[in-house]
């Protein structure tokens, strides 16, 4: 009813605000033990300003509800918690959030990883019943075991959670010493999280745990070998001057295995070699990304006498050089 007659959802109904205020008044009576007894004894007349009670001139309270109608939702919904209607309150519960650290390889290839979460679960002492082992709950005589009570006020008939038993329909006379009659306790539970291959840093997934849900945000560590761009990965490969000039083969660390690379003669620095399908699985589609290998040429800082002589000989025969080479004056293109 509160939702039905809320002014925000009935902007075209001029009487919606009045009806919503009447609902708030009915709730105020229902939730206040003193006012409830007065209503049961004297009816709606006792709610009016200046209305007489049992004796002439005696007033019980001023006209109109003292509760803010906008508090109606929060108060009504709050009473459901701890009762058998607690599932309604769970709609508004904030799911627990956790951070999971992953290595680059774990995020790229996927992994099953454990995480410890705090969850409300059945009390182990009373097996979720709420009363001490060896005792029993008594049927609530206030609501005849229905868990609900009814109040008539103005044009509305309201049913509310029984204030005596909290909606359970029974009374626990000897509550469990561990859970204090709630039937639940906060417990640590180890949960295995199947991390899908291809998750990215900062990505959040939702995972059901029992009747609840948790959110897990992944924090992916950087790799000393690989760089990531979507489903593609990039890495560097150092080769020698001779390999760059003459070509050859080299071994490169891949995501899944060591890769044998064929180097074409005359390859240039920062030239890329593409290894198709050797990247990360695509999360929202089929197939894999690619592995791009960036060529880096390793220049020696020290040479043997023979290596220096060979380099000098090569420099003398080299053409199309812009500038000079230390120690070389006569070249194929003339003196420098």
C-alpha atoms as a PDB file:
ATOM      1  CA  UNK A   1       0.000   0.000   0.000  1.00  0.00           C
ATOM      2  CA  UNK A   2       2.814   2.398   0.824  1.00  0.00           C
ATOM      3  CA  UNK A   3       4.248   1.903  -2.630  1.00  0.00           C
ATOM      4  CA  UNK A   4       0.824   2.027  -4.277  1.00  0.00           C
ATOM      5  CA  UNK A   5      -0.156   5.376  -2.748  1.00  0.00           C
ATOM      6  CA  UNK A   6       3.261   7.047  -2.727  1.00  0.00           C
ATOM      7  CA  UNK A   7       2.907  10.589  -4.196  1.00  0.00           C
ATOM      8  CA  UNK A   8       5.894  10.068  -6.491  1.00  0.00           C
ATOM      9  CA  UNK A   9       4.161   7.173  -8.231  1.00  0.00           C
ATOM     10  CA  UNK A  10       0.759   8.916  -8.350  1.00  0.00           C
ATOM     11  CA  UNK A  11       1.585  12.401  -9.580  1.00  0.00           C
ATOM     12  CA  UNK A  12      -1.756  12.660 -11.402  1.00  0.00           C
ATOM     13  CA  UNK A  13      -3.810  11.748  -8.319  1.00  0.00           C
ATOM     14  CA  UNK A  14      -4.394  14.813  -6.087  1.00  0.00           C
ATOM     15  CA  UNK A  15      -5.569  12.563  -3.237  1.00  0.00           C
ATOM     16  CA  UNK A  16      -2.461  10.376  -3.256  1.00  0.00           C
ATOM     17  CA  UNK A  17      -0.660  12.533  -0.722  1.00  0.00           C
ATOM     18  CA  UNK A  18      -3.626  12.423   1.654  1.00  0.00           C
ATOM     19  CA  UNK A  19      -3.931   8.649   1.336  1.00  0.00           C
ATOM     20  CA  UNK A  20      -0.224   8.228   1.912  1.00  0.00           C
ATOM     21  CA  UNK A  21      -0.467  10.369   5.061  1.00  0.00           C
ATOM     22  CA  UNK A  22      -3.354   8.196   6.276  1.00  0.00           C
ATOM     23  CA  UNK A  23      -1.192   5.154   5.737  1.00  0.00           C
ATOM     24  CA  UNK A  24       1.561   6.760   7.779  1.00  0.00           C
ATOM     25  CA  UNK A  25      -0.944   7.469  10.549  1.00  0.00           C
ATOM     26  CA  UNK A  26      -2.143   3.866  10.487  1.00  0.00           C
ATOM     27  CA  UNK A  27       1.421   2.639  10.722  1.00  0.00           C
ATOM     28  CA  UNK A  28       2.137   4.979  13.618  1.00  0.00           C
ATOM     29  CA  UNK A  29      -0.811   3.554  15.534  1.00  0.00           C
ATOM     30  CA  UNK A  30       0.172   0.009  14.709  1.00  0.00           C
ATOM     31  CA  UNK A  31       3.771   0.463  15.803  1.00  0.00           C
ATOM     32  CA  UNK A  32       3.016   2.267  19.079  1.00  0.00           C
ATOM     33  CA  UNK A  33       1.760   0.034  21.895  1.00  0.00           C
ATOM     34  CA  UNK A  34       0.069   2.873  23.814  1.00  0.00           C
ATOM     35  CA  UNK A  35      -1.671   4.316  20.778  1.00  0.00           C
ATOM     36  CA  UNK A  36      -2.717   0.854  19.681  1.00  0.00           C
ATOM     37  CA  UNK A  37      -4.448   0.230  23.012  1.00  0.00           C
ATOM     38  CA  UNK A  38      -6.135   3.620  22.861  1.00  0.00           C
ATOM     39  CA  UNK A  39      -7.379   2.900  19.372  1.00  0.00           C
ATOM     40  CA  UNK A  40      -8.701  -0.509  20.422  1.00  0.00           C
ATOM     41  CA  UNK A  41     -10.579   1.152  23.274  1.00  0.00           C
ATOM     42  CA  UNK A  42     -11.876   4.357  21.702  1.00  0.00           C
ATOM     43  CA  UNK A  43     -11.668   3.987  17.910  1.00  0.00           C
ATOM     44  CA  UNK A  44     -10.789   6.625  15.341  1.00  0.00           C
ATOM     45  CA  UNK A  45     -12.386   9.483  17.274  1.00  0.00           C
ATOM     46  CA  UNK A  46      -9.502   9.467  19.688  1.00  0.00           C
ATOM     47  CA  UNK A  47      -7.153  10.414  16.837  1.00  0.00           C
ATOM     48  CA  UNK A  48      -8.863  13.742  16.126  1.00  0.00           C
ATOM     49  CA  UNK A  49      -7.637  16.982  17.611  1.00  0.00           C
ATOM     50  CA  UNK A  50      -9.573  17.842  20.730  1.00  0.00           C
ATOM     51  CA  UNK A  51     -11.382  14.494  20.824  1.00  0.00           C
ATOM     52  CA  UNK A  52     -12.475  13.471  24.296  1.00  0.00           C
ATOM     53  CA  UNK A  53     -11.322  10.278  25.922  1.00  0.00           C
ATOM     54  CA  UNK A  54     -12.919   8.422  28.788  1.00  0.00           C
ATOM     55  CA  UNK A  55     -13.401  11.687  30.657  1.00  0.00           C
ATOM     56  CA  UNK A  56     -14.576  15.024  29.247  1.00  0.00           C
ATOM     57  CA  UNK A  57     -11.755  17.291  28.130  1.00  0.00           C
ATOM     58  CA  UNK A  58      -9.159  14.510  28.168  1.00  0.00           C
ATOM     59  CA  UNK A  59      -6.973  14.364  25.016  1.00  0.00           C
ATOM     60  CA  UNK A  60      -4.692  11.596  23.884  1.00  0.00           C
ATOM     61  CA  UNK A  61      -2.643  13.285  21.161  1.00  0.00           C
ATOM     62  CA  UNK A  62      -2.924  16.000  18.561  1.00  0.00           C
ATOM     63  CA  UNK A  63      -4.329  15.471  15.090  1.00  0.00           C
ATOM     64  CA  UNK A  64      -2.326  13.965  12.256  1.00  0.00           C
ATOM     65  CA  UNK A  65       0.537  11.501  12.335  1.00  0.00           C
ATOM     66  CA  UNK A  66       3.747  12.599  13.979  1.00  0.00           C
ATOM     67  CA  UNK A  67       5.760  10.251  11.802  1.00  0.00           C
ATOM     68  CA  UNK A  68       7.137  11.577   8.527  1.00  0.00           C
ATOM     69  CA  UNK A  69       5.292   9.727   5.739  1.00  0.00           C
ATOM     70  CA  UNK A  70       8.574   9.386   3.847  1.00  0.00           C
ATOM     71  CA  UNK A  71       9.877   7.289   6.747  1.00  0.00           C
ATOM     72  CA  UNK A  72       7.084   4.780   6.181  1.00  0.00           C
ATOM     73  CA  UNK A  73       9.047   2.559   3.806  1.00  0.00           C
ATOM     74  CA  UNK A  74      12.136   2.416   5.943  1.00  0.00           C
ATOM     75  CA  UNK A  75      10.264   1.706   9.181  1.00  0.00           C
ATOM     76  CA  UNK A  76       7.918  -0.904   7.744  1.00  0.00           C
ATOM     77  CA  UNK A  77      10.691  -2.687   5.871  1.00  0.00           C
ATOM     78  CA  UNK A  78      12.976  -2.514   8.899  1.00  0.00           C
ATOM     79  CA  UNK A  79      10.468  -4.468  11.017  1.00  0.00           C
ATOM     80  CA  UNK A  80      10.673  -7.381   8.617  1.00  0.00           C
ATOM     81  CA  UNK A  81      14.306  -8.062   9.470  1.00  0.00           C
ATOM     82  CA  UNK A  82      14.777 -10.987  11.801  1.00  0.00           C
ATOM     83  CA  UNK A  83      11.362 -12.428  10.967  1.00  0.00           C
ATOM     84  CA  UNK A  84      10.311 -15.042   8.482  1.00  0.00           C
ATOM     85  CA  UNK A  85       9.807 -12.132   6.079  1.00  0.00           C
ATOM     86  CA  UNK A  86      13.486 -11.297   6.266  1.00  0.00           C
ATOM     87  CA  UNK A  87      13.965 -12.095   2.598  1.00  0.00           C
ATOM     88  CA  UNK A  88      12.298  -8.771   1.811  1.00  0.00           C
ATOM     89  CA  UNK A  89      14.962  -6.919   3.758  1.00  0.00           C
ATOM     90  CA  UNK A  90      17.683  -8.863   1.972  1.00  0.00           C
ATOM     91  CA  UNK A  91      16.706  -7.097  -1.244  1.00  0.00           C
ATOM     92  CA  UNK A  92      18.186  -3.931   0.238  1.00  0.00           C
ATOM     93  CA  UNK A  93      21.279  -5.557   1.743  1.00  0.00           C
ATOM     94  CA  UNK A  94      24.510  -4.413   0.190  1.00  0.00           C
ATOM     95  CA  UNK A  95      26.427  -7.392  -1.230  1.00  0.00           C
ATOM     96  CA  UNK A  96      29.837  -7.924   0.304  1.00  0.00           C
ATOM     97  CA  UNK A  97      32.785  -6.842  -1.815  1.00  0.00           C
ATOM     98  CA  UNK A  98      36.160  -8.563  -1.902  1.00  0.00           C
ATOM     99  CA  UNK A  99      39.483  -7.943  -3.620  1.00  0.00           C
ATOM    100  CA  UNK A 100      41.347 -10.878  -5.180  1.00  0.00           C
ATOM    101  CA  UNK A 101      45.000 -10.550  -6.162  1.00  0.00           C
ATOM    102  CA  UNK A 102      46.038 -12.379  -9.338  1.00  0.00           C
ATOM    103  CA  UNK A 103      49.298 -12.784 -11.174  1.00  0.00           C
ATOM    104  CA  UNK A 104      49.376 -11.868 -14.853  1.00  0.00           C
ATOM    105  CA  UNK A 105      49.451 -15.538 -15.817  1.00  0.00           C
ATOM    106  CA  UNK A 106      46.544 -16.461 -13.515  1.00  0.00           C
ATOM    107  CA  UNK A 107      44.377 -13.727 -15.019  1.00  0.00           C
ATOM    108  CA  UNK A 108      45.333 -14.658 -18.570  1.00  0.00           C
ATOM    109  CA  UNK A 109      44.939 -18.429 -18.278  1.00  0.00           C
ATOM    110  CA  UNK A 110      42.290 -18.664 -15.553  1.00  0.00           C
ATOM    111  CA  UNK A 111      42.630 -20.311 -12.163  1.00  0.00           C
ATOM    112  CA  UNK A 112      40.622 -21.757  -9.278  1.00  0.00           C
ATOM    113  CA  UNK A 113      41.501 -19.692  -6.230  1.00  0.00           C
ATOM    114  CA  UNK A 114      40.193 -19.750  -2.665  1.00  0.00           C
ATOM    115  CA  UNK A 115      38.850 -16.728  -0.839  1.00  0.00           C
ATOM    116  CA  UNK A 116      37.637 -16.390   2.763  1.00  0.00           C
ATOM    117  CA  UNK A 117      34.268 -14.625   3.101  1.00  0.00           C
ATOM    118  CA  UNK A 118      32.113 -13.638   6.073  1.00  0.00           C
ATOM    119  CA  UNK A 119      28.596 -15.009   5.696  1.00  0.00           C
ATOM    120  CA  UNK A 120      25.488 -15.345   7.849  1.00  0.00           C
ATOM    121  CA  UNK A 121      24.861 -19.070   8.180  1.00  0.00           C
ATOM    122  CA  UNK A 122      22.797 -21.399  10.348  1.00  0.00           C
ATOM    123  CA  UNK A 123      23.957 -21.428  13.948  1.00  0.00           C
ATOM    124  CA  UNK A 124      25.871 -24.631  14.553  1.00  0.00           C
ATOM    125  CA  UNK A 125      24.765 -24.881  18.188  1.00  0.00           C
ATOM    126  CA  UNK A 126      20.993 -24.753  17.610  1.00  0.00           C
ATOM    127  CA  UNK A 127      21.034 -25.871  13.953  1.00  0.00           C
ATOM    128  CA  UNK A 128      19.342 -22.626  12.949  1.00  0.00           C
ATOM    129  CA  UNK A 129      16.289 -23.128  15.182  1.00  0.00           C
ATOM    130  CA  UNK A 130      17.073 -20.249  17.531  1.00  0.00           C
ATOM    131  CA  UNK A 131      16.380 -22.063  20.797  1.00  0.00           C
ATOM    132  CA  UNK A 132      18.696 -23.988  23.057  1.00  0.00           C
ATOM    133  CA  UNK A 133      19.152 -27.677  22.220  1.00  0.00           C
ATOM    134  CA  UNK A 134      16.680 -29.770  24.224  1.00  0.00           C
ATOM    135  CA  UNK A 135      14.041 -27.010  24.341  1.00  0.00           C
ATOM    136  CA  UNK A 136      11.147 -26.165  22.028  1.00  0.00           C
ATOM    137  CA  UNK A 137       9.561 -22.984  20.725  1.00  0.00           C
ATOM    138  CA  UNK A 138       6.026 -22.211  21.943  1.00  0.00           C
ATOM    139  CA  UNK A 139       3.138 -21.260  19.667  1.00  0.00           C
ATOM    140  CA  UNK A 140       2.477 -17.516  19.734  1.00  0.00           C
ATOM    141  CA  UNK A 141      -0.985 -16.856  21.196  1.00  0.00           C
ATOM    142  CA  UNK A 142      -0.915 -13.189  20.211  1.00  0.00           C
ATOM    143  CA  UNK A 143      -1.244 -13.996  16.493  1.00  0.00           C
ATOM    144  CA  UNK A 144      -2.452 -17.603  16.865  1.00  0.00           C
ATOM    145  CA  UNK A 145       0.683 -18.824  15.152  1.00  0.00           C
ATOM    146  CA  UNK A 146       0.109 -16.894  11.897  1.00  0.00           C
ATOM    147  CA  UNK A 147       2.930 -14.435  12.428  1.00  0.00           C
ATOM    148  CA  UNK A 148       0.663 -11.546  11.364  1.00  0.00           C
ATOM    149  CA  UNK A 149      -1.727  -9.166  13.108  1.00  0.00           C
ATOM    150  CA  UNK A 150      -4.437  -6.946  11.609  1.00  0.00           C
ATOM    151  CA  UNK A 151      -5.441  -3.358  12.345  1.00  0.00           C
ATOM    152  CA  UNK A 152      -8.368  -1.389  10.913  1.00  0.00           C
ATOM    153  CA  UNK A 153      -7.945   2.369  10.716  1.00  0.00           C
ATOM    154  CA  UNK A 154      -9.821   4.784   8.514  1.00  0.00           C
ATOM    155  CA  UNK A 155     -10.258   3.399   5.009  1.00  0.00           C
ATOM    156  CA  UNK A 156      -7.377   0.946   5.329  1.00  0.00           C
ATOM    157  CA  UNK A 157      -6.958  -2.558   6.653  1.00  0.00           C
ATOM    158  CA  UNK A 158      -3.322  -3.237   7.425  1.00  0.00           C
ATOM    159  CA  UNK A 159      -1.588  -6.481   8.172  1.00  0.00           C
ATOM    160  CA  UNK A 160       1.682  -6.259   9.978  1.00  0.00           C
ATOM    161  CA  UNK A 161       4.298  -8.545  11.390  1.00  0.00           C
ATOM    162  CA  UNK A 162       3.303  -9.764  14.829  1.00  0.00           C
ATOM    163  CA  UNK A 163       5.070  -7.640  17.438  1.00  0.00           C
ATOM    164  CA  UNK A 164       5.138 -10.483  19.929  1.00  0.00           C
ATOM    165  CA  UNK A 165       6.821 -13.190  17.866  1.00  0.00           C
ATOM    166  CA  UNK A 166       8.414 -11.080  15.138  1.00  0.00           C
ATOM    167  CA  UNK A 167       6.506 -12.941  12.420  1.00  0.00           C
ATOM    168  CA  UNK A 168       7.763 -16.409  13.304  1.00  0.00           C
ATOM    169  CA  UNK A 169       4.441 -17.635  14.693  1.00  0.00           C
ATOM    170  CA  UNK A 170       6.199 -19.049  17.724  1.00  0.00           C
ATOM    171  CA  UNK A 171       7.922 -17.756  20.843  1.00  0.00           C
ATOM    172  CA  UNK A 172      11.403 -18.833  21.877  1.00  0.00           C
ATOM    173  CA  UNK A 173      11.430 -18.972  25.655  1.00  0.00           C
ATOM    174  CA  UNK A 174      14.997 -20.258  25.913  1.00  0.00           C
ATOM    175  CA  UNK A 175      17.026 -18.578  23.161  1.00  0.00           C
ATOM    176  CA  UNK A 176      20.282 -20.088  21.977  1.00  0.00           C
ATOM    177  CA  UNK A 177      23.207 -18.651  23.901  1.00  0.00           C
ATOM    178  CA  UNK A 178      25.320 -18.381  20.749  1.00  0.00           C
ATOM    179  CA  UNK A 179      22.972 -16.769  18.212  1.00  0.00           C
ATOM    180  CA  UNK A 180      20.619 -15.221  20.822  1.00  0.00           C
ATOM    181  CA  UNK A 181      17.562 -16.649  19.131  1.00  0.00           C
ATOM    182  CA  UNK A 182      18.258 -15.461  15.588  1.00  0.00           C
ATOM    183  CA  UNK A 183      19.251 -18.902  14.309  1.00  0.00           C
ATOM    184  CA  UNK A 184      22.178 -17.411  12.413  1.00  0.00           C
ATOM    185  CA  UNK A 185      25.741 -16.442  13.185  1.00  0.00           C
ATOM    186  CA  UNK A 186      28.476 -14.676  11.262  1.00  0.00           C
ATOM    187  CA  UNK A 187      30.869 -17.349  10.035  1.00  0.00           C
ATOM    188  CA  UNK A 188      34.021 -17.445   7.955  1.00  0.00           C
ATOM    189  CA  UNK A 189      33.685 -19.639   4.917  1.00  0.00           C
ATOM    190  CA  UNK A 190      36.338 -20.629   2.402  1.00  0.00           C
ATOM    191  CA  UNK A 191      34.949 -20.400  -1.115  1.00  0.00           C
ATOM    192  CA  UNK A 192      36.585 -21.634  -4.306  1.00  0.00           C
ATOM    193  CA  UNK A 193      36.351 -18.958  -6.991  1.00  0.00           C
ATOM    194  CA  UNK A 194      36.635 -20.169 -10.609  1.00  0.00           C
ATOM    195  CA  UNK A 195      38.448 -17.201 -12.154  1.00  0.00           C
ATOM    196  CA  UNK A 196      37.696 -17.210 -15.899  1.00  0.00           C
ATOM    197  CA  UNK A 197      40.583 -16.901 -18.334  1.00  0.00           C
ATOM    198  CA  UNK A 198      41.046 -13.399 -19.672  1.00  0.00           C
ATOM    199  CA  UNK A 199      39.842 -11.285 -16.726  1.00  0.00           C
ATOM    200  CA  UNK A 200      41.316  -7.793 -16.609  1.00  0.00           C
ATOM    201  CA  UNK A 201      42.602  -5.609 -13.815  1.00  0.00           C
ATOM    202  CA  UNK A 202      39.716  -3.884 -12.022  1.00  0.00           C
ATOM    203  CA  UNK A 203      37.071  -6.195 -13.464  1.00  0.00           C
ATOM    204  CA  UNK A 204      34.297  -7.163 -11.028  1.00  0.00           C
ATOM    205  CA  UNK A 205      32.264 -10.368 -11.127  1.00  0.00           C
ATOM    206  CA  UNK A 206      29.210 -11.434  -9.136  1.00  0.00           C
ATOM    207  CA  UNK A 207      29.219 -14.811  -7.443  1.00  0.00           C
ATOM    208  CA  UNK A 208      26.443 -16.560  -5.466  1.00  0.00           C
ATOM    209  CA  UNK A 209      27.447 -17.919  -2.070  1.00  0.00           C
ATOM    210  CA  UNK A 210      24.588 -19.750  -0.393  1.00  0.00           C
ATOM    211  CA  UNK A 211      21.531 -17.485  -0.524  1.00  0.00           C
ATOM    212  CA  UNK A 212      23.656 -14.359  -0.828  1.00  0.00           C
ATOM    213  CA  UNK A 213      25.813 -12.814  -3.524  1.00  0.00           C
ATOM    214  CA  UNK A 214      29.278 -11.353  -3.283  1.00  0.00           C
ATOM    215  CA  UNK A 215      31.203  -9.078  -5.621  1.00  0.00           C
ATOM    216  CA  UNK A 216      34.828  -9.909  -6.386  1.00  0.00           C
ATOM    217  CA  UNK A 217      37.118  -7.302  -7.942  1.00  0.00           C
ATOM    218  CA  UNK A 218      40.333  -8.596  -9.501  1.00  0.00           C
ATOM    219  CA  UNK A 219      43.672  -6.858  -9.068  1.00  0.00           C
ATOM    220  CA  UNK A 220      46.091  -8.168 -11.681  1.00  0.00           C
ATOM    221  CA  UNK A 221      49.817  -7.789 -11.089  1.00  0.00           C
ATOM    222  CA  UNK A 222      52.045  -6.519 -13.875  1.00  0.00           C
ATOM    223  CA  UNK A 223      54.275  -8.994 -15.680  1.00  0.00           C
ATOM    224  CA  UNK A 224      58.000  -8.543 -16.139  1.00  0.00           C
ATOM    225  CA  UNK A 225      57.719 -10.226 -19.550  1.00  0.00           C
ATOM    226  CA  UNK A 226      54.328  -9.455 -21.077  1.00  0.00           C
ATOM    227  CA  UNK A 227      52.266  -6.357 -21.762  1.00  0.00           C
ATOM    228  CA  UNK A 228      48.561  -6.633 -22.427  1.00  0.00           C
ATOM    229  CA  UNK A 229      46.245  -4.905 -24.880  1.00  0.00           C
ATOM    230  CA  UNK A 230      42.823  -6.515 -24.685  1.00  0.00           C
ATOM    231  CA  UNK A 231      43.241 -10.139 -25.722  1.00  0.00           C
ATOM    232  CA  UNK A 232      46.641  -9.454 -27.331  1.00  0.00           C
ATOM    233  CA  UNK A 233      49.946  -9.661 -25.488  1.00  0.00           C
ATOM    234  CA  UNK A 234      53.274  -8.031 -26.338  1.00  0.00           C
ATOM    235  CA  UNK A 235      56.820  -8.943 -25.369  1.00  0.00           C
ATOM    236  CA  UNK A 236      60.377  -8.052 -26.407  1.00  0.00           C
ATOM    237  CA  UNK A 237      63.008 -10.334 -27.940  1.00  0.00           C
ATOM    238  CA  UNK A 238      66.719  -9.484 -27.872  1.00  0.00           C
ATOM    239  CA  UNK A 239      68.729 -10.729 -30.852  1.00  0.00           C
ATOM    240  CA  UNK A 240      72.356 -10.222 -31.891  1.00  0.00           C
ATOM    241  CA  UNK A 241      73.624  -8.040 -34.729  1.00  0.00           C
ATOM    242  CA  UNK A 242      74.548 -11.161 -36.683  1.00  0.00           C
ATOM    243  CA  UNK A 243      71.026 -12.572 -36.257  1.00  0.00           C
ATOM    244  CA  UNK A 244      69.508  -9.293 -37.380  1.00  0.00           C
ATOM    245  CA  UNK A 245      71.715  -9.107 -40.475  1.00  0.00           C
ATOM    246  CA  UNK A 246      71.897 -12.741 -41.503  1.00  0.00           C
ATOM    247  CA  UNK A 247      68.640 -14.061 -40.035  1.00  0.00           C
ATOM    248  CA  UNK A 248      68.278 -17.246 -38.028  1.00  0.00           C
ATOM    249  CA  UNK A 249      66.173 -18.582 -35.170  1.00  0.00           C
ATOM    250  CA  UNK A 250      65.558 -17.588 -31.560  1.00  0.00           C
ATOM    251  CA  UNK A 251      63.588 -18.834 -28.592  1.00  0.00           C
ATOM    252  CA  UNK A 252      60.961 -16.624 -26.967  1.00  0.00           C
ATOM    253  CA  UNK A 253      58.911 -17.085 -23.800  1.00  0.00           C
ATOM    254  CA  UNK A 254      55.242 -17.480 -24.645  1.00  0.00           C
ATOM    255  CA  UNK A 255      52.182 -17.419 -22.434  1.00  0.00           C
ATOM    256  CA  UNK A 256      51.620 -21.165 -22.746  1.00  0.00           C
ATOM    257  CA  UNK A 257      54.974 -22.513 -23.949  1.00  0.00           C
ATOM    258  CA  UNK A 258      58.398 -21.571 -25.262  1.00  0.00           C
ATOM    259  CA  UNK A 259      58.112 -20.378 -28.872  1.00  0.00           C
ATOM    260  CA  UNK A 260      60.693 -20.960 -31.608  1.00  0.00           C
ATOM    261  CA  UNK A 261      60.970 -17.818 -33.736  1.00  0.00           C
ATOM    262  CA  UNK A 262      62.273 -17.652 -37.296  1.00  0.00           C
ATOM    263  CA  UNK A 263      64.140 -14.383 -37.829  1.00  0.00           C
ATOM    264  CA  UNK A 264      64.215 -13.158 -41.425  1.00  0.00           C
ATOM    265  CA  UNK A 265      67.514 -11.623 -42.708  1.00  0.00           C
ATOM    266  CA  UNK A 266      67.665  -7.856 -42.384  1.00  0.00           C
ATOM    267  CA  UNK A 267      65.050  -7.554 -39.656  1.00  0.00           C
ATOM    268  CA  UNK A 268      64.844  -4.055 -38.202  1.00  0.00           C
ATOM    269  CA  UNK A 269      64.757  -2.848 -34.584  1.00  0.00           C
ATOM    270  CA  UNK A 270      61.205  -2.698 -33.140  1.00  0.00           C
ATOM    271  CA  UNK A 271      59.866  -4.741 -36.035  1.00  0.00           C
ATOM    272  CA  UNK A 272      57.024  -6.979 -34.837  1.00  0.00           C
ATOM    273  CA  UNK A 273      56.566 -10.678 -35.391  1.00  0.00           C
ATOM    274  CA  UNK A 274      52.985 -11.835 -34.962  1.00  0.00           C
ATOM    275  CA  UNK A 275      52.185 -15.214 -33.425  1.00  0.00           C
ATOM    276  CA  UNK A 276      48.529 -15.784 -34.284  1.00  0.00           C
ATOM    277  CA  UNK A 277      46.297 -17.280 -31.581  1.00  0.00           C
ATOM    278  CA  UNK A 278      49.019 -17.243 -28.905  1.00  0.00           C
ATOM    279  CA  UNK A 279      47.410 -14.503 -26.835  1.00  0.00           C
ATOM    280  CA  UNK A 280      44.706 -14.423 -24.160  1.00  0.00           C
ATOM    281  CA  UNK A 281      41.256 -16.049 -24.554  1.00  0.00           C
ATOM    282  CA  UNK A 282      38.599 -13.553 -25.601  1.00  0.00           C
ATOM    283  CA  UNK A 283      36.158 -13.229 -22.689  1.00  0.00           C
ATOM    284  CA  UNK A 284      33.017 -12.224 -24.581  1.00  0.00           C
ATOM    285  CA  UNK A 285      33.646 -14.093 -27.827  1.00  0.00           C
ATOM    286  CA  UNK A 286      35.459 -17.073 -29.265  1.00  0.00           C
ATOM    287  CA  UNK A 287      39.130 -17.620 -29.978  1.00  0.00           C
ATOM    288  CA  UNK A 288      42.346 -16.141 -28.678  1.00  0.00           C
ATOM    289  CA  UNK A 289      44.243 -12.930 -29.156  1.00  0.00           C
ATOM    290  CA  UNK A 290      47.699 -12.747 -30.731  1.00  0.00           C
ATOM    291  CA  UNK A 291      51.207 -12.545 -29.321  1.00  0.00           C
ATOM    292  CA  UNK A 292      53.272  -9.713 -30.813  1.00  0.00           C
ATOM    293  CA  UNK A 293      57.032 -10.058 -30.414  1.00  0.00           C
ATOM    294  CA  UNK A 294      58.996  -6.797 -30.669  1.00  0.00           C
ATOM    295  CA  UNK A 295      62.554  -7.209 -31.948  1.00  0.00           C
ATOM    296  CA  UNK A 296      65.324  -5.506 -29.992  1.00  0.00           C
ATOM    297  CA  UNK A 297      68.900  -5.675 -31.310  1.00  0.00           C
ATOM    298  CA  UNK A 298      71.572  -6.210 -28.712  1.00  0.00           C
ATOM    299  CA  UNK A 299      74.690  -4.141 -29.453  1.00  0.00           C
ATOM    300  CA  UNK A 300      77.861  -5.537 -27.806  1.00  0.00           C
ATOM    301  CA  UNK A 301      79.781  -3.111 -25.597  1.00  0.00           C
ATOM    302  CA  UNK A 302      83.048  -5.053 -25.794  1.00  0.00           C
ATOM    303  CA  UNK A 303      84.657  -6.729 -28.816  1.00  0.00           C
ATOM    304  CA  UNK A 304      87.553  -9.121 -29.255  1.00  0.00           C
ATOM    305  CA  UNK A 305      90.387  -8.039 -31.540  1.00  0.00           C
ATOM    306  CA  UNK A 306      89.079 -10.322 -34.270  1.00  0.00           C
ATOM    307  CA  UNK A 307      85.541  -8.973 -33.927  1.00  0.00           C
ATOM    308  CA  UNK A 308      86.820  -5.396 -34.076  1.00  0.00           C
ATOM    309  CA  UNK A 309      88.886  -6.171 -37.196  1.00  0.00           C
ATOM    310  CA  UNK A 310      85.875  -7.749 -38.872  1.00  0.00           C
ATOM    311  CA  UNK A 311      83.678  -4.775 -37.969  1.00  0.00           C
ATOM    312  CA  UNK A 312      86.302  -2.367 -39.328  1.00  0.00           C
ATOM    313  CA  UNK A 313      86.449  -4.361 -42.541  1.00  0.00           C
ATOM    314  CA  UNK A 314      82.655  -4.297 -42.772  1.00  0.00           C
ATOM    315  CA  UNK A 315      82.606  -0.549 -42.143  1.00  0.00           C
ATOM    316  CA  UNK A 316      85.126   0.033 -44.948  1.00  0.00           C
ATOM    317  CA  UNK A 317      82.830  -1.773 -47.369  1.00  0.00           C
ATOM    318  CA  UNK A 318      79.647  -0.140 -46.054  1.00  0.00           C
ATOM    319  CA  UNK A 319      77.946   2.394 -48.300  1.00  0.00           C
ATOM    320  CA  UNK A 320      75.239   4.980 -47.708  1.00  0.00           C
ATOM    321  CA  UNK A 321      76.582   5.945 -44.296  1.00  0.00           C
ATOM    322  CA  UNK A 322      75.579   9.387 -43.081  1.00  0.00           C
ATOM    323  CA  UNK A 323      78.501  10.477 -40.933  1.00  0.00           C
ATOM    324  CA  UNK A 324      81.684   8.688 -39.931  1.00  0.00           C
ATOM    325  CA  UNK A 325      82.810   5.509 -38.186  1.00  0.00           C
ATOM    326  CA  UNK A 326      85.527   5.786 -35.559  1.00  0.00           C
ATOM    327  CA  UNK A 327      88.856   4.468 -36.868  1.00  0.00           C
ATOM    328  CA  UNK A 328      87.696   4.152 -40.488  1.00  0.00           C
ATOM    329  CA  UNK A 329      88.988   6.643 -43.074  1.00  0.00           C
ATOM    330  CA  UNK A 330      88.999   4.725 -46.344  1.00  0.00           C
ATOM    331  CA  UNK A 331      85.632   3.322 -47.386  1.00  0.00           C
ATOM    332  CA  UNK A 332      84.021   2.037 -50.543  1.00  0.00           C
ATOM    333  CA  UNK A 333      82.550   5.495 -51.096  1.00  0.00           C
ATOM    334  CA  UNK A 334      85.883   7.288 -50.592  1.00  0.00           C
ATOM    335  CA  UNK A 335      87.753   8.922 -47.721  1.00  0.00           C
ATOM    336  CA  UNK A 336      85.871  10.233 -44.687  1.00  0.00           C
END
